Amino acid sequence: MRRALGIAILLFQLGAIVYARFVPARYFCWAPYDSQNDYLIEVVVNDRVLSRDEIQSRYRKRAKGADNRSIQHIKDIITGYETSYGADENAQVSLSYWVNGGEEQSWKWPRH
């Protein structure tokens, strides 16, 4: 019984690692910290540009910074906030980011 449980756990972990290699977020991967992402978050709520302190308070992430997890984690934080606490505020969010020092990419909320 213990052997079967041990094998099941290892197979689950292997499946999660394989799955994580094919999706943007790396939540179930053993080595999720495989990229360096510099980012800049800008937010406009009711035609007012939020300050860096307001953005940090809103998302619990600095408005400008670096993260060594998949950039999808920051997108998920923004999406989570904007679909729950900020759902009635009609925020316009712009995320600019650079993965491993590459070219600038952008992502916006709400998604069109």
Foldseek 3Di string as FASTA:
>chain_A
DVVVVVVVVVVVLVVLQVVLVPDQFNPSHPCQQAKKKWKAKWKAFPNRTDDQVVVCVQQVDGRTDMDRGRCVVVVVSVVVSCVPVVVPRPMKMKMWMDIRNHDIDIDIPPDD
